[in-house]
Amino acid sequence: MSRVEVVAPVAEVFVQFEGQPTGPQFAKHSIFRGVSLRCWQYLVPEPGRSDAQAAASIEAAIQSRGCRDIVLQDCEVAHIGTYAVWFWRGAATAASSDAICTI
């Protein structure tokens, strides 16, 4: 082997939109177009997970809380080992189109 590519993910979140879910301060009017986000990891905490359904407490690579008018268009989220996008509490008029998510 003459060449090796090593990827060591360290980021806890790739993109985070953080507003106040109940207002009046919202994260708003953002468009991500043609962005590729790759190679992220999720490490299970020491006590493990015990969510009742769908591991709903696990974070995602792209997260939004308290946001308005957020658009992810023609984006790729790949090799992340967990959820690609979470629109959490207070997210409205958020959209994703023509996205590719490979986990």
N, C-alpha and C. Protein backbone atom coordinates (compact mmCIF):
# COMPACT_ATOMS: atom_id res chain seq x y z
N MET A 1 0.85 -1.17 0.00
CA MET A 1 0.00 0.00 0.00
C MET A 1 0.90 1.24 0.00
N SER A 2 0.78 2.05 -1.02
CA SER A 2 1.64 3.23 -1.12
C SER A 2 0.95 4.51 -0.68
N ARG A 3 -0.37 4.46 -0.54
CA ARG A 3 -1.09 5.68 -0.17
C ARG A 3 -2.27 5.31 0.73
N VAL A 4 -2.46 6.08 1.80
CA VAL A 4 -3.54 5.83 2.75
C VAL A 4 -4.26 7.13 3.04
N GLU A 5 -5.57 7.07 3.04
CA GLU A 5 -6.36 8.24 3.45
C GLU A 5 -6.97 7.94 4.80
N VAL A 6 -6.72 8.82 5.77
CA VAL A 6 -7.23 8.64 7.12
C VAL A 6 -8.21 9.76 7.42
N VAL A 7 -9.37 9.38 7.94
CA VAL A 7 -10.38 10.36 8.32
C VAL A 7 -10.62 10.20 9.81
N ALA A 8 -10.47 11.29 10.56
CA ALA A 8 -10.67 11.26 12.00
C ALA A 8 -11.70 12.33 12.38
N PRO A 9 -12.98 11.97 12.39
CA PRO A 9 -14.02 12.94 12.70
C PRO A 9 -13.93 13.44 14.13
N VAL A 10 -14.06 14.75 14.32
CA VAL A 10 -14.02 15.31 15.67
C VAL A 10 -15.17 16.26 15.96
N ALA A 11 -15.83 16.76 14.94
CA ALA A 11 -16.92 17.72 15.14
C ALA A 11 -18.12 17.04 15.79
N GLU A 12 -18.76 17.71 16.74
CA GLU A 12 -19.97 17.17 17.37
C GLU A 12 -21.21 17.45 16.53
N VAL A 13 -21.19 18.55 15.79
CA VAL A 13 -22.29 18.94 14.91
C VAL A 13 -21.67 19.64 13.71
N PHE A 14 -22.16 19.36 12.50
CA PHE A 14 -21.66 20.07 11.33
C PHE A 14 -22.26 21.47 11.24
N VAL A 15 -23.59 21.55 11.27
CA VAL A 15 -24.29 22.83 11.14
C VAL A 15 -25.37 22.89 12.21
N GLN A 16 -25.45 24.01 12.91
CA GLN A 16 -26.47 24.17 13.93
C GLN A 16 -27.12 25.54 13.81
N PHE A 17 -28.44 25.54 13.62
CA PHE A 17 -29.23 26.77 13.63
C PHE A 17 -29.86 26.85 15.01
N GLU A 18 -29.55 27.87 15.77
CA GLU A 18 -30.02 27.93 17.15
C GLU A 18 -30.73 29.25 17.40
N GLY A 19 -32.05 29.15 17.51
CA GLY A 19 -32.87 30.30 17.89
C GLY A 19 -33.62 29.96 19.16
N GLN A 20 -34.56 30.79 19.54
CA GLN A 20 -35.41 30.50 20.69
C GLN A 20 -36.69 29.85 20.18
N PRO A 21 -36.95 28.58 20.53
CA PRO A 21 -38.11 27.87 19.99
C PRO A 21 -39.44 28.58 20.22
N THR A 22 -39.57 29.34 21.30
CA THR A 22 -40.83 30.03 21.57
C THR A 22 -40.77 31.49 21.13
N GLY A 23 -39.70 31.91 20.49
CA GLY A 23 -39.54 33.28 20.01
C GLY A 23 -39.06 34.19 21.13
N PRO A 24 -38.80 35.43 20.87
CA PRO A 24 -38.94 36.10 19.60
C PRO A 24 -37.69 36.02 18.71
N GLN A 25 -36.59 35.46 19.22
CA GLN A 25 -35.35 35.40 18.44
C GLN A 25 -35.26 34.06 17.71
N PHE A 26 -35.46 34.09 16.39
CA PHE A 26 -35.37 32.89 15.58
C PHE A 26 -34.13 32.94 14.70
N ALA A 27 -33.55 31.78 14.42
CA ALA A 27 -32.52 31.69 13.38
C ALA A 27 -33.32 31.62 12.09
N LYS A 28 -33.03 32.50 11.12
CA LYS A 28 -33.90 32.52 9.95
C LYS A 28 -33.21 32.96 8.67
N HIS A 29 -33.90 32.66 7.55
CA HIS A 29 -33.51 33.08 6.21
C HIS A 29 -32.12 32.60 5.81
N SER A 30 -31.90 31.29 5.89
CA SER A 30 -30.61 30.71 5.49
C SER A 30 -30.84 29.64 4.43
N ILE A 31 -29.98 29.65 3.41
CA ILE A 31 -30.04 28.64 2.35
C ILE A 31 -28.67 28.01 2.22
N PHE A 32 -28.63 26.67 2.29
CA PHE A 32 -27.42 25.92 2.01
C PHE A 32 -27.66 25.21 0.69
N ARG A 33 -26.88 25.52 -0.31
CA ARG A 33 -27.07 24.95 -1.64
C ARG A 33 -25.76 24.29 -2.10
N GLY A 34 -25.86 23.01 -2.49
CA GLY A 34 -24.69 22.32 -3.05
C GLY A 34 -23.59 22.03 -2.05
N VAL A 35 -23.93 21.88 -0.79
CA VAL A 35 -22.93 21.63 0.25
C VAL A 35 -22.81 20.12 0.48
N SER A 36 -21.58 19.65 0.65
CA SER A 36 -21.34 18.25 0.95
C SER A 36 -20.70 18.15 2.34
N LEU A 37 -21.36 17.43 3.23
CA LEU A 37 -20.86 17.23 4.60
C LEU A 37 -20.61 15.74 4.78
N ARG A 38 -19.38 15.38 5.10
CA ARG A 38 -19.01 13.96 5.16
C ARG A 38 -18.18 13.63 6.39
N CYS A 39 -18.25 12.37 6.76
CA CYS A 39 -17.39 11.77 7.78
C CYS A 39 -17.55 12.41 9.15
N TRP A 40 -18.57 11.96 9.81
CA TRP A 40 -18.88 12.39 11.17
C TRP A 40 -19.12 11.13 11.96
N GLN A 41 -18.95 11.17 13.26
CA GLN A 41 -19.19 9.97 14.05
C GLN A 41 -20.13 10.26 15.20
N TYR A 42 -20.78 9.22 15.63
CA TYR A 42 -21.59 9.30 16.84
C TYR A 42 -21.07 8.25 17.82
N LEU A 43 -20.69 8.70 18.99
CA LEU A 43 -20.22 7.79 20.02
C LEU A 43 -21.32 7.62 21.07
N VAL A 44 -21.70 6.40 21.32
CA VAL A 44 -22.72 6.12 22.33
C VAL A 44 -22.16 6.48 23.70
N PRO A 45 -22.91 7.28 24.48
CA PRO A 45 -22.41 7.64 25.81
C PRO A 45 -22.25 6.41 26.71
N GLU A 46 -21.47 6.55 27.74
CA GLU A 46 -21.15 5.44 28.63
C GLU A 46 -22.37 4.66 29.14
N PRO A 47 -23.43 5.33 29.61
CA PRO A 47 -24.57 4.54 30.09
C PRO A 47 -25.41 3.92 28.97
N GLY A 48 -25.12 4.24 27.73
CA GLY A 48 -25.89 3.73 26.60
C GLY A 48 -27.10 4.60 26.30
N ARG A 49 -28.01 4.09 25.49
CA ARG A 49 -29.23 4.81 25.10
C ARG A 49 -30.43 3.99 25.51
N SER A 50 -31.50 4.68 25.90
CA SER A 50 -32.73 3.96 26.26
C SER A 50 -33.96 4.71 25.78
N ASP A 51 -33.87 5.34 24.62
CA ASP A 51 -35.03 6.04 24.07
C ASP A 51 -36.14 5.03 23.78
N ALA A 52 -37.38 5.45 24.02
CA ALA A 52 -38.51 4.56 23.80
C ALA A 52 -38.70 4.24 22.32
N GLN A 53 -38.45 5.20 21.46
CA GLN A 53 -38.69 4.98 20.04
C GLN A 53 -37.76 5.85 19.20
N ALA A 54 -37.21 5.29 18.17
CA ALA A 54 -36.46 6.00 17.13
C ALA A 54 -35.25 6.78 17.63
N ALA A 55 -34.74 6.46 18.80
CA ALA A 55 -33.56 7.15 19.34
C ALA A 55 -33.69 8.66 19.19
N ALA A 56 -34.80 9.18 19.61
CA ALA A 56 -35.14 10.59 19.39
C ALA A 56 -34.23 11.58 20.10
N SER A 57 -33.46 11.15 21.07
CA SER A 57 -32.58 12.10 21.77
C SER A 57 -31.20 12.22 21.12
N ILE A 58 -30.92 11.40 20.12
CA ILE A 58 -29.62 11.45 19.46
C ILE A 58 -29.55 12.68 18.55
N GLU A 59 -28.45 13.37 18.60
CA GLU A 59 -28.24 14.56 17.78
C GLU A 59 -28.04 14.18 16.31
N ALA A 60 -28.12 15.17 15.44
CA ALA A 60 -27.92 14.96 14.01
C ALA A 60 -26.75 15.81 13.51
N ALA A 61 -26.31 15.55 12.30
CA ALA A 61 -25.21 16.33 11.71
C ALA A 61 -25.63 17.77 11.45
N ILE A 62 -26.89 17.97 11.04
CA ILE A 62 -27.44 19.31 10.83
C ILE A 62 -28.64 19.44 11.75
N GLN A 63 -28.64 20.44 12.61
CA GLN A 63 -29.71 20.60 13.59
C GLN A 63 -30.26 22.01 13.57
N SER A 64 -31.55 22.10 13.87
CA SER A 64 -32.14 23.43 13.96
C SER A 64 -33.17 23.46 15.08
N ARG A 65 -33.10 24.50 15.87
CA ARG A 65 -34.06 24.76 16.93
C ARG A 65 -34.47 26.21 16.81
N GLY A 66 -35.75 26.45 16.91
CA GLY A 66 -36.22 27.83 16.85
C GLY A 66 -35.84 28.51 15.56
N CYS A 67 -36.14 27.89 14.43
CA CYS A 67 -35.72 28.47 13.15
C CYS A 67 -36.91 28.68 12.22
N ARG A 68 -36.73 29.57 11.28
CA ARG A 68 -37.73 29.89 10.26
C ARG A 68 -37.02 30.04 8.92
N ASP A 69 -37.63 29.52 7.88
CA ASP A 69 -37.13 29.70 6.52
C ASP A 69 -35.69 29.21 6.34
N ILE A 70 -35.45 27.97 6.71
CA ILE A 70 -34.15 27.32 6.49
C ILE A 70 -34.31 26.35 5.33
N VAL A 71 -33.42 26.42 4.34
CA VAL A 71 -33.51 25.55 3.16
C VAL A 71 -32.19 24.82 2.96
N LEU A 72 -32.28 23.50 2.79
CA LEU A 72 -31.14 22.68 2.40
C LEU A 72 -31.45 22.16 1.01
N GLN A 73 -30.71 22.62 0.02
CA GLN A 73 -31.01 22.27 -1.37
C GLN A 73 -29.79 21.68 -2.05
N ASP A 74 -29.98 20.53 -2.72
CA ASP A 74 -28.89 19.85 -3.42
C ASP A 74 -27.68 19.61 -2.51
N CYS A 75 -27.94 19.19 -1.28
CA CYS A 75 -26.86 18.94 -0.33
C CYS A 75 -26.65 17.44 -0.15
N GLU A 76 -25.45 17.08 0.27
CA GLU A 76 -25.12 15.69 0.55
C GLU A 76 -24.64 15.59 1.99
N VAL A 77 -25.18 14.62 2.72
CA VAL A 77 -24.70 14.28 4.05
C VAL A 77 -24.36 12.80 4.01
N ALA A 78 -23.09 12.47 4.19
CA ALA A 78 -22.66 11.09 3.96
C ALA A 78 -21.68 10.61 5.02
N HIS A 79 -21.75 9.31 5.30
CA HIS A 79 -20.81 8.64 6.20
C HIS A 79 -20.79 9.30 7.59
N ILE A 80 -21.97 9.38 8.17
CA ILE A 80 -22.07 10.09 9.45
C ILE A 80 -22.44 9.19 10.62
N GLY A 81 -23.03 8.03 10.39
CA GLY A 81 -23.31 7.09 11.46
C GLY A 81 -24.50 7.42 12.35
N THR A 82 -25.27 8.42 11.99
CA THR A 82 -26.45 8.80 12.77
C THR A 82 -27.43 9.54 11.88
N TYR A 83 -28.28 10.35 12.45
CA TYR A 83 -29.26 11.10 11.67
C TYR A 83 -28.58 12.23 10.89
N ALA A 84 -29.12 12.51 9.72
CA ALA A 84 -28.56 13.58 8.88
C ALA A 84 -29.10 14.95 9.32
N VAL A 85 -30.43 15.08 9.44
CA VAL A 85 -31.03 16.39 9.72
C VAL A 85 -32.11 16.24 10.79
N TRP A 86 -32.10 17.14 11.76
CA TRP A 86 -33.17 17.24 12.75
C TRP A 86 -33.73 18.65 12.71
N PHE A 87 -35.03 18.77 12.53
CA PHE A 87 -35.71 20.04 12.73
C PHE A 87 -36.42 19.90 14.08
N TRP A 88 -35.79 20.42 15.11
CA TRP A 88 -36.28 20.28 16.48
C TRP A 88 -37.40 21.27 16.77
N ARG A 89 -37.68 21.41 18.03
CA ARG A 89 -38.74 22.29 18.53
C ARG A 89 -38.61 23.71 17.99
N GLY A 90 -39.73 24.25 17.58
CA GLY A 90 -39.76 25.62 17.11
C GLY A 90 -39.32 25.81 15.67
N ALA A 91 -39.09 24.73 14.93
CA ALA A 91 -38.69 24.85 13.53
C ALA A 91 -39.93 24.93 12.66
N ALA A 92 -39.99 25.94 11.80
CA ALA A 92 -41.12 26.11 10.90
C ALA A 92 -40.62 26.56 9.54
N THR A 93 -41.34 26.23 8.52
CA THR A 93 -40.99 26.54 7.13
C THR A 93 -39.54 26.20 6.82
N ALA A 94 -39.14 25.02 7.28
CA ALA A 94 -37.81 24.50 6.96
C ALA A 94 -38.00 23.42 5.91
N ALA A 95 -37.06 23.34 4.96
CA ALA A 95 -37.24 22.38 3.87
C ALA A 95 -35.90 21.81 3.43
N SER A 96 -35.99 20.60 2.87
CA SER A 96 -34.84 19.95 2.27
C SER A 96 -35.29 19.40 0.92
N SER A 97 -34.56 19.71 -0.14
CA SER A 97 -34.95 19.20 -1.45
C SER A 97 -33.72 18.70 -2.20
N ASP A 98 -33.94 17.66 -2.99
CA ASP A 98 -32.88 17.07 -3.79
C ASP A 98 -31.64 16.74 -2.97
N ALA A 99 -31.87 16.32 -1.74
CA ALA A 99 -30.74 16.00 -0.85
C ALA A 99 -30.40 14.53 -0.96
N ILE A 100 -29.13 14.23 -0.75
CA ILE A 100 -28.66 12.86 -0.73
C ILE A 100 -28.14 12.61 0.68
N CYS A 101 -28.68 11.61 1.35
CA CYS A 101 -28.23 11.26 2.68
C CYS A 101 -27.75 9.81 2.67
N THR A 102 -26.48 9.61 2.88
CA THR A 102 -25.91 8.28 2.94
C THR A 102 -25.30 8.10 4.33
N ILE A 103 -25.83 7.14 5.08
CA ILE A 103 -25.36 6.98 6.45
C ILE A 103 -24.48 5.74 6.53
